[in-house]
PDB file of N, CA and C in Angstrom:
ATOM      1  N   MET A   1       0.837  -1.182   0.000  1.00  0.00           N
ATOM      2  CA  MET A   1       0.000   0.000   0.000  1.00  0.00           C
ATOM      3  C   MET A   1       0.884   1.249   0.000  1.00  0.00           C
ATOM      4  N   GLU A   2       0.525   2.202  -0.826  1.00  0.00           N
ATOM      5  CA  GLU A   2       1.298   3.432  -0.937  1.00  0.00           C
ATOM      6  C   GLU A   2       1.113   4.305   0.301  1.00  0.00           C
ATOM      7  N   LYS A   3       2.201   4.904   0.756  1.00  0.00           N
ATOM      8  CA  LYS A   3       2.164   5.770   1.930  1.00  0.00           C
ATOM      9  C   LYS A   3       1.370   7.040   1.615  1.00  0.00           C
ATOM     10  N   THR A   4       0.463   7.396   2.538  1.00  0.00           N
ATOM     11  CA  THR A   4      -0.340   8.600   2.351  1.00  0.00           C
ATOM     12  C   THR A   4      -0.126   9.550   3.520  1.00  0.00           C
ATOM     13  N   ARG A   5      -0.546  10.788   3.302  1.00  0.00           N
ATOM     14  CA  ARG A   5      -0.486  11.813   4.343  1.00  0.00           C
ATOM     15  C   ARG A   5      -1.850  12.476   4.453  1.00  0.00           C
ATOM     16  N   VAL A   6      -2.144  12.979   5.630  1.00  0.00           N
ATOM     17  CA  VAL A   6      -3.365  13.742   5.840  1.00  0.00           C
ATOM     18  C   VAL A   6      -2.993  15.219   5.731  1.00  0.00           C
ATOM     19  N   ALA A   7      -3.774  15.947   4.937  1.00  0.00           N
ATOM     20  CA  ALA A   7      -3.478  17.363   4.722  1.00  0.00           C
ATOM     21  C   ALA A   7      -4.764  18.161   4.598  1.00  0.00           C
ATOM     22  N   LEU A   8      -4.627  19.449   4.859  1.00  0.00           N
ATOM     23  CA  LEU A   8      -5.712  20.398   4.674  1.00  0.00           C
ATOM     24  C   LEU A   8      -5.277  21.372   3.593  1.00  0.00           C
ATOM     25  N   ILE A   9      -6.087  21.479   2.563  1.00  0.00           N
ATOM     26  CA  ILE A   9      -5.809  22.428   1.483  1.00  0.00           C
ATOM     27  C   ILE A   9      -6.801  23.574   1.637  1.00  0.00           C
ATOM     28  N   GLY A  10      -6.281  24.750   1.886  1.00  0.00           N
ATOM     29  CA  GLY A  10      -7.114  25.950   1.994  1.00  0.00           C
ATOM     30  C   GLY A  10      -7.126  26.668   0.656  1.00  0.00           C
ATOM     31  N   VAL A  11      -8.316  27.049   0.219  1.00  0.00           N
ATOM     32  CA  VAL A  11      -8.481  27.684  -1.091  1.00  0.00           C
ATOM     33  C   VAL A  11      -9.292  28.965  -0.911  1.00  0.00           C
ATOM     34  N   ILE A  12      -8.798  30.051  -1.485  1.00  0.00           N
ATOM     35  CA  ILE A  12      -9.547  31.303  -1.505  1.00  0.00           C
ATOM     36  C   ILE A  12      -9.830  31.646  -2.964  1.00  0.00           C
ATOM     37  N   VAL A  13     -11.104  31.817  -3.250  1.00  0.00           N
ATOM     38  CA  VAL A  13     -11.568  32.049  -4.618  1.00  0.00           C
ATOM     39  C   VAL A  13     -12.024  33.497  -4.742  1.00  0.00           C
ATOM     40  N   GLY A  14     -11.369  34.235  -5.618  1.00  0.00           N
ATOM     41  CA  GLY A  14     -11.680  35.644  -5.799  1.00  0.00           C
ATOM     42  C   GLY A  14     -12.565  35.943  -6.983  1.00  0.00           C
ATOM     43  N   ASP A  15     -12.946  34.921  -7.748  1.00  0.00           N
ATOM     44  CA  ASP A  15     -13.803  35.117  -8.919  1.00  0.00           C
ATOM     45  C   ASP A  15     -14.676  33.878  -9.089  1.00  0.00           C
ATOM     46  N   ALA A  16     -15.977  34.065  -9.046  1.00  0.00           N
ATOM     47  CA  ALA A  16     -16.917  32.943  -9.137  1.00  0.00           C
ATOM     48  C   ALA A  16     -16.759  32.168 -10.449  1.00  0.00           C
ATOM     49  N   ALA A  17     -16.185  32.783 -11.452  1.00  0.00           N
ATOM     50  CA  ALA A  17     -15.988  32.098 -12.736  1.00  0.00           C
ATOM     51  C   ALA A  17     -15.011  30.927 -12.600  1.00  0.00           C
ATOM     52  N   ALA A  18     -14.217  30.896 -11.541  1.00  0.00           N
ATOM     53  CA  ALA A  18     -13.231  29.830 -11.334  1.00  0.00           C
ATOM     54  C   ALA A  18     -13.832  28.583 -10.693  1.00  0.00           C
ATOM     55  N   VAL A  19     -15.052  28.678 -10.191  1.00  0.00           N
ATOM     56  CA  VAL A  19     -15.639  27.587  -9.412  1.00  0.00           C
ATOM     57  C   VAL A  19     -15.772  26.298 -10.222  1.00  0.00           C
ATOM     58  N   GLU A  20     -16.150  26.389 -11.465  1.00  0.00           N
ATOM     59  CA  GLU A  20     -16.309  25.186 -12.284  1.00  0.00           C
ATOM     60  C   GLU A  20     -14.987  24.436 -12.427  1.00  0.00           C
ATOM     61  N   ARG A  21     -13.909  25.147 -12.679  1.00  0.00           N
ATOM     62  CA  ARG A  21     -12.595  24.501 -12.786  1.00  0.00           C
ATOM     63  C   ARG A  21     -12.165  23.888 -11.461  1.00  0.00           C
ATOM     64  N   ILE A  22     -12.452  24.573 -10.358  1.00  0.00           N
ATOM     65  CA  ILE A  22     -12.127  24.046  -9.032  1.00  0.00           C
ATOM     66  C   ILE A  22     -12.890  22.743  -8.790  1.00  0.00           C
ATOM     67  N   ASN A  23     -14.182  22.752  -9.076  1.00  0.00           N
ATOM     68  CA  ASN A  23     -14.984  21.552  -8.874  1.00  0.00           C
ATOM     69  C   ASN A  23     -14.531  20.403  -9.761  1.00  0.00           C
ATOM     70  N   ASP A  24     -14.063  20.701 -10.959  1.00  0.00           N
ATOM     71  CA  ASP A  24     -13.517  19.653 -11.840  1.00  0.00           C
ATOM     72  C   ASP A  24     -12.296  18.984 -11.187  1.00  0.00           C
ATOM     73  N   ILE A  25     -11.439  19.786 -10.568  1.00  0.00           N
ATOM     74  CA  ILE A  25     -10.259  19.241  -9.885  1.00  0.00           C
ATOM     75  C   ILE A  25     -10.687  18.395  -8.690  1.00  0.00           C
ATOM     76  N   PHE A  26     -11.635  18.899  -7.910  1.00  0.00           N
ATOM     77  CA  PHE A  26     -12.125  18.127  -6.764  1.00  0.00           C
ATOM     78  C   PHE A  26     -12.737  16.801  -7.231  1.00  0.00           C
ATOM     79  N   HIS A  27     -13.458  16.835  -8.323  1.00  0.00           N
ATOM     80  CA  HIS A  27     -14.054  15.602  -8.854  1.00  0.00           C
ATOM     81  C   HIS A  27     -12.962  14.622  -9.299  1.00  0.00           C
ATOM     82  N   GLU A  28     -11.943  15.129  -9.948  1.00  0.00           N
ATOM     83  CA  GLU A  28     -10.843  14.291 -10.425  1.00  0.00           C
ATOM     84  C   GLU A  28     -10.161  13.554  -9.264  1.00  0.00           C
ATOM     85  N   TYR A  29     -10.043  14.206  -8.122  1.00  0.00           N
ATOM     86  CA  TYR A  29      -9.337  13.634  -6.970  1.00  0.00           C
ATOM     87  C   TYR A  29     -10.294  13.225  -5.844  1.00  0.00           C
ATOM     88  N   ARG A  30     -11.550  12.999  -6.146  1.00  0.00           N
ATOM     89  CA  ARG A  30     -12.570  12.731  -5.132  1.00  0.00           C
ATOM     90  C   ARG A  30     -12.252  11.536  -4.245  1.00  0.00           C
ATOM     91  N   ARG A  31     -11.533  10.566  -4.764  1.00  0.00           N
ATOM     92  CA  ARG A  31     -11.261   9.374  -3.944  1.00  0.00           C
ATOM     93  C   ARG A  31     -10.328   9.665  -2.768  1.00  0.00           C
ATOM     94  N   TYR A  32      -9.630  10.790  -2.813  1.00  0.00           N
ATOM     95  CA  TYR A  32      -8.713  11.164  -1.739  1.00  0.00           C
ATOM     96  C   TYR A  32      -9.326  12.156  -0.747  1.00  0.00           C
ATOM     97  N   ILE A  33     -10.465  12.732  -1.101  1.00  0.00           N
ATOM     98  CA  ILE A  33     -11.070  13.780  -0.278  1.00  0.00           C
ATOM     99  C   ILE A  33     -11.843  13.171   0.878  1.00  0.00           C
ATOM    100  N   ILE A  34     -11.470  13.574   2.090  1.00  0.00           N
ATOM    101  CA  ILE A  34     -12.155  13.137   3.305  1.00  0.00           C
ATOM    102  C   ILE A  34     -13.369  14.032   3.552  1.00  0.00           C
ATOM    103  N   GLY A  35     -13.179  15.332   3.385  1.00  0.00           N
ATOM    104  CA  GLY A  35     -14.260  16.275   3.630  1.00  0.00           C
ATOM    105  C   GLY A  35     -13.998  17.607   2.957  1.00  0.00           C
ATOM    106  N   ARG A  36     -15.086  18.368   2.831  1.00  0.00           N
ATOM    107  CA  ARG A  36     -15.011  19.659   2.143  1.00  0.00           C
ATOM    108  C   ARG A  36     -15.942  20.633   2.838  1.00  0.00           C
ATOM    109  N   LEU A  37     -15.451  21.860   3.027  1.00  0.00           N
ATOM    110  CA  LEU A  37     -16.264  22.913   3.624  1.00  0.00           C
ATOM    111  C   LEU A  37     -16.082  24.176   2.795  1.00  0.00           C
ATOM    112  N   GLY A  38     -17.187  24.726   2.330  1.00  0.00           N
ATOM    113  CA  GLY A  38     -17.139  25.960   1.556  1.00  0.00           C
ATOM    114  C   GLY A  38     -17.904  27.054   2.262  1.00  0.00           C
ATOM    115  N   ILE A  39     -17.301  28.232   2.337  1.00  0.00           N
ATOM    116  CA  ILE A  39     -17.931  29.365   3.010  1.00  0.00           C
ATOM    117  C   ILE A  39     -17.912  30.568   2.068  1.00  0.00           C
ATOM    118  N   PRO A  40     -19.083  31.035   1.647  1.00  0.00           N
ATOM    119  CA  PRO A  40     -19.110  32.271   0.861  1.00  0.00           C
ATOM    120  C   PRO A  40     -18.973  33.474   1.801  1.00  0.00           C
ATOM    121  N   TYR A  41     -18.088  34.370   1.463  1.00  0.00           N
ATOM    122  CA  TYR A  41     -17.890  35.581   2.266  1.00  0.00           C
ATOM    123  C   TYR A  41     -18.333  36.746   1.406  1.00  0.00           C
ATOM    124  N   LYS A  42     -19.631  37.033   1.470  1.00  0.00           N
ATOM    125  CA  LYS A  42     -20.254  38.008   0.575  1.00  0.00           C
ATOM    126  C   LYS A  42     -19.728  39.428   0.759  1.00  0.00           C
ATOM    127  N   GLU A  43     -19.377  39.781   1.979  1.00  0.00           N
ATOM    128  CA  GLU A  43     -18.891  41.136   2.227  1.00  0.00           C
ATOM    129  C   GLU A  43     -17.612  41.442   1.456  1.00  0.00           C
ATOM    130  N   ARG A  44     -16.807  40.412   1.169  1.00  0.00           N
ATOM    131  CA  ARG A  44     -15.550  40.588   0.439  1.00  0.00           C
ATOM    132  C   ARG A  44     -15.620  40.009  -0.980  1.00  0.00           C
ATOM    133  N   ASP A  45     -16.767  39.439  -1.332  1.00  0.00           N
ATOM    134  CA  ASP A  45     -16.986  38.842  -2.643  1.00  0.00           C
ATOM    135  C   ASP A  45     -15.943  37.754  -2.951  1.00  0.00           C
ATOM    136  N   ILE A  46     -15.692  36.892  -1.948  1.00  0.00           N
ATOM    137  CA  ILE A  46     -14.798  35.753  -2.113  1.00  0.00           C
ATOM    138  C   ILE A  46     -15.463  34.512  -1.535  1.00  0.00           C
ATOM    139  N   SER A  47     -14.900  33.380  -1.834  1.00  0.00           N
ATOM    140  CA  SER A  47     -15.309  32.124  -1.208  1.00  0.00           C
ATOM    141  C   SER A  47     -14.078  31.475  -0.601  1.00  0.00           C
ATOM    142  N   ILE A  48     -14.285  30.816   0.524  1.00  0.00           N
ATOM    143  CA  ILE A  48     -13.196  30.133   1.216  1.00  0.00           C
ATOM    144  C   ILE A  48     -13.564  28.657   1.283  1.00  0.00           C
ATOM    145  N   ILE A  49     -12.662  27.808   0.804  1.00  0.00           N
ATOM    146  CA  ILE A  49     -12.918  26.373   0.753  1.00  0.00           C
ATOM    147  C   ILE A  49     -11.798  25.653   1.488  1.00  0.00           C
ATOM    148  N   SER A  50     -12.195  24.701   2.328  1.00  0.00           N
ATOM    149  CA  SER A  50     -11.230  23.831   3.004  1.00  0.00           C
ATOM    150  C   SER A  50     -11.466  22.407   2.527  1.00  0.00           C
ATOM    151  N   ILE A  51     -10.408  21.761   2.077  1.00  0.00           N
ATOM    152  CA  ILE A  51     -10.490  20.381   1.629  1.00  0.00           C
ATOM    153  C   ILE A  51      -9.524  19.565   2.481  1.00  0.00           C
ATOM    154  N   THR A  52     -10.038  18.513   3.103  1.00  0.00           N
ATOM    155  CA  THR A  52      -9.199  17.600   3.869  1.00  0.00           C
ATOM    156  C   THR A  52      -8.986  16.354   3.028  1.00  0.00           C
ATOM    157  N   VAL A  53      -7.725  15.953   2.874  1.00  0.00           N
ATOM    158  CA  VAL A  53      -7.395  14.810   2.029  1.00  0.00           C
ATOM    159  C   VAL A  53      -6.505  13.820   2.776  1.00  0.00           C
ATOM    160  N   ASP A  54      -6.558  12.580   2.326  1.00  0.00           N
ATOM    161  CA  ASP A  54      -5.631  11.537   2.759  1.00  0.00           C
ATOM    162  C   ASP A  54      -5.117  10.925   1.465  1.00  0.00           C
ATOM    163  N   ALA A  55      -3.903  11.300   1.095  1.00  0.00           N
ATOM    164  CA  ALA A  55      -3.404  10.955  -0.233  1.00  0.00           C
ATOM    165  C   ALA A  55      -1.879  10.886  -0.231  1.00  0.00           C
ATOM    166  N   PRO A  56      -1.311  10.261  -1.264  1.00  0.00           N
ATOM    167  CA  PRO A  56       0.142  10.297  -1.416  1.00  0.00           C
ATOM    168  C   PRO A  56       0.622  11.744  -1.599  1.00  0.00           C
ATOM    169  N   GLN A  57       1.839  12.001  -1.196  1.00  0.00           N
ATOM    170  CA  GLN A  57       2.419  13.345  -1.290  1.00  0.00           C
ATOM    171  C   GLN A  57       2.292  13.924  -2.698  1.00  0.00           C
ATOM    172  N   ALA A  58       2.562  13.131  -3.705  1.00  0.00           N
ATOM    173  CA  ALA A  58       2.507  13.625  -5.089  1.00  0.00           C
ATOM    174  C   ALA A  58       1.097  14.058  -5.472  1.00  0.00           C
ATOM    175  N   VAL A  59       0.101  13.365  -4.988  1.00  0.00           N
ATOM    176  CA  VAL A  59      -1.289  13.715  -5.295  1.00  0.00           C
ATOM    177  C   VAL A  59      -1.667  15.021  -4.602  1.00  0.00           C
ATOM    178  N   ILE A  60      -1.278  15.177  -3.351  1.00  0.00           N
ATOM    179  CA  ILE A  60      -1.571  16.415  -2.627  1.00  0.00           C
ATOM    180  C   ILE A  60      -0.921  17.604  -3.336  1.00  0.00           C
ATOM    181  N   SER A  61       0.303  17.436  -3.743  1.00  0.00           N
ATOM    182  CA  SER A  61       1.003  18.508  -4.475  1.00  0.00           C
ATOM    183  C   SER A  61       0.305  18.813  -5.796  1.00  0.00           C
ATOM    184  N   ALA A  62      -0.162  17.789  -6.482  1.00  0.00           N
ATOM    185  CA  ALA A  62      -0.850  17.991  -7.764  1.00  0.00           C
ATOM    186  C   ALA A  62      -2.149  18.764  -7.566  1.00  0.00           C
ATOM    187  N   ILE A  63      -2.920  18.397  -6.560  1.00  0.00           N
ATOM    188  CA  ILE A  63      -4.178  19.098  -6.293  1.00  0.00           C
ATOM    189  C   ILE A  63      -3.916  20.567  -6.002  1.00  0.00           C
ATOM    190  N   SER A  64      -3.020  20.826  -5.061  1.00  0.00           N
ATOM    191  CA  SER A  64      -2.720  22.194  -4.669  1.00  0.00           C
ATOM    192  C   SER A  64      -2.139  22.994  -5.836  1.00  0.00           C
ATOM    193  N   GLY A  65      -1.264  22.359  -6.604  1.00  0.00           N
ATOM    194  CA  GLY A  65      -0.652  23.033  -7.746  1.00  0.00           C
ATOM    195  C   GLY A  65      -1.662  23.393  -8.813  1.00  0.00           C
ATOM    196  N   LYS A  66      -2.561  22.461  -9.124  1.00  0.00           N
ATOM    197  CA  LYS A  66      -3.594  22.734 -10.134  1.00  0.00           C
ATOM    198  C   LYS A  66      -4.531  23.846  -9.683  1.00  0.00           C
ATOM    199  N   LEU A  67      -4.876  23.844  -8.392  1.00  0.00           N
ATOM    200  CA  LEU A  67      -5.739  24.903  -7.876  1.00  0.00           C
ATOM    201  C   LEU A  67      -5.039  26.253  -7.959  1.00  0.00           C
ATOM    202  N   GLY A  68      -3.779  26.294  -7.586  1.00  0.00           N
ATOM    203  CA  GLY A  68      -3.022  27.544  -7.584  1.00  0.00           C
ATOM    204  C   GLY A  68      -2.771  28.118  -8.958  1.00  0.00           C
ATOM    205  N   MET A  69      -2.911  27.306  -9.994  1.00  0.00           N
ATOM    206  CA  MET A  69      -2.700  27.785 -11.364  1.00  0.00           C
ATOM    207  C   MET A  69      -3.943  28.460 -11.950  1.00  0.00           C
ATOM    208  N   ILE A  70      -5.069  28.362 -11.260  1.00  0.00           N
ATOM    209  CA  ILE A  70      -6.297  28.988 -11.739  1.00  0.00           C
ATOM    210  C   ILE A  70      -6.267  30.473 -11.379  1.00  0.00           C
ATOM    211  N   ASP A  71      -6.607  31.323 -12.342  1.00  0.00           N
ATOM    212  CA  ASP A  71      -6.655  32.765 -12.096  1.00  0.00           C
ATOM    213  C   ASP A  71      -7.618  33.084 -10.958  1.00  0.00           C
ATOM    214  N   HIS A  72      -7.220  34.006 -10.106  1.00  0.00           N
ATOM    215  CA  HIS A  72      -8.025  34.495  -8.982  1.00  0.00           C
ATOM    216  C   HIS A  72      -8.250  33.438  -7.896  1.00  0.00           C
ATOM    217  N   VAL A  73      -7.382  32.425  -7.856  1.00  0.00           N
ATOM    218  CA  VAL A  73      -7.478  31.374  -6.838  1.00  0.00           C
ATOM    219  C   VAL A  73      -6.130  31.256  -6.131  1.00  0.00           C
ATOM    220  N   SER A  74      -6.173  31.220  -4.799  1.00  0.00           N
ATOM    221  CA  SER A  74      -4.977  30.998  -3.995  1.00  0.00           C
ATOM    222  C   SER A  74      -5.183  29.714  -3.207  1.00  0.00           C
ATOM    223  N   SER A  75      -4.119  28.931  -3.080  1.00  0.00           N
ATOM    224  CA  SER A  75      -4.230  27.716  -2.274  1.00  0.00           C
ATOM    225  C   SER A  75      -2.966  27.531  -1.453  1.00  0.00           C
ATOM    226  N   LYS A  76      -3.157  26.900  -0.316  1.00  0.00           N
ATOM    227  CA  LYS A  76      -2.042  26.626   0.598  1.00  0.00           C
ATOM    228  C   LYS A  76      -2.351  25.305   1.281  1.00  0.00           C
ATOM    229  N   THR A  77      -1.308  24.498   1.510  1.00  0.00           N
ATOM    230  CA  THR A  77      -1.484  23.182   2.093  1.00  0.00           C
ATOM    231  C   THR A  77      -0.733  23.087   3.414  1.00  0.00           C
ATOM    232  N   ILE A  78      -1.392  22.485   4.400  1.00  0.00           N
ATOM    233  CA  ILE A  78      -0.731  22.168   5.652  1.00  0.00           C
ATOM    234  C   ILE A  78      -0.917  20.663   5.910  1.00  0.00           C
ATOM    235  N   TYR A  79       0.081  20.086   6.532  1.00  0.00           N
ATOM    236  CA  TYR A  79       0.092  18.644   6.746  1.00  0.00           C
ATOM    237  C   TYR A  79      -0.068  18.302   8.219  1.00  0.00           C
ATOM    238  N   ALA A  80      -0.832  17.263   8.486  1.00  0.00           N
ATOM    239  CA  ALA A  80      -1.027  16.799   9.852  1.00  0.00           C
ATOM    240  C   ALA A  80       0.208  16.054  10.319  1.00  0.00           C
ATOM    241  N   LYS A  81       0.504  16.175  11.584  1.00  0.00           N
ATOM    242  CA  LYS A  81       1.573  15.381  12.199  1.00  0.00           C
ATOM    243  C   LYS A  81       0.902  14.218  12.892  1.00  0.00           C
ATOM    244  N   VAL A  82       0.714  13.142  12.139  1.00  0.00           N
ATOM    245  CA  VAL A  82       0.052  11.957  12.678  1.00  0.00           C
ATOM    246  C   VAL A  82       1.007  10.786  12.620  1.00  0.00           C
ATOM    247  N   PRO A  83       0.889   9.869  13.561  1.00  0.00           N
ATOM    248  CA  PRO A  83       1.773   8.690  13.534  1.00  0.00           C
ATOM    249  C   PRO A  83       1.529   7.860  12.287  1.00  0.00           C
ATOM    250  N   GLU A  84       2.574   7.213  11.813  1.00  0.00           N
ATOM    251  CA  GLU A  84       2.450   6.375  10.619  1.00  0.00           C
ATOM    252  C   GLU A  84       1.889   5.027  10.960  1.00  0.00           C
TER     253      GLU A  84
END
């Protein structure tokens, strides 16, 4: 079995036009997603999304990298310190 890590990917969306591309990425990697929380912040006209994943390091990097390449989208990943 391939070694996996638990991570939280934080995403800030500054343009609603990016949502379809974001959802396509989430769908592509759905088997690794543990949970998802989306919060619209209307006062600032942004959305904040948290995705929790359990995946190989390369997959986590791919998800975060693909999200970060979308215009008006920022993403950052933090990793859990859990025993192996």
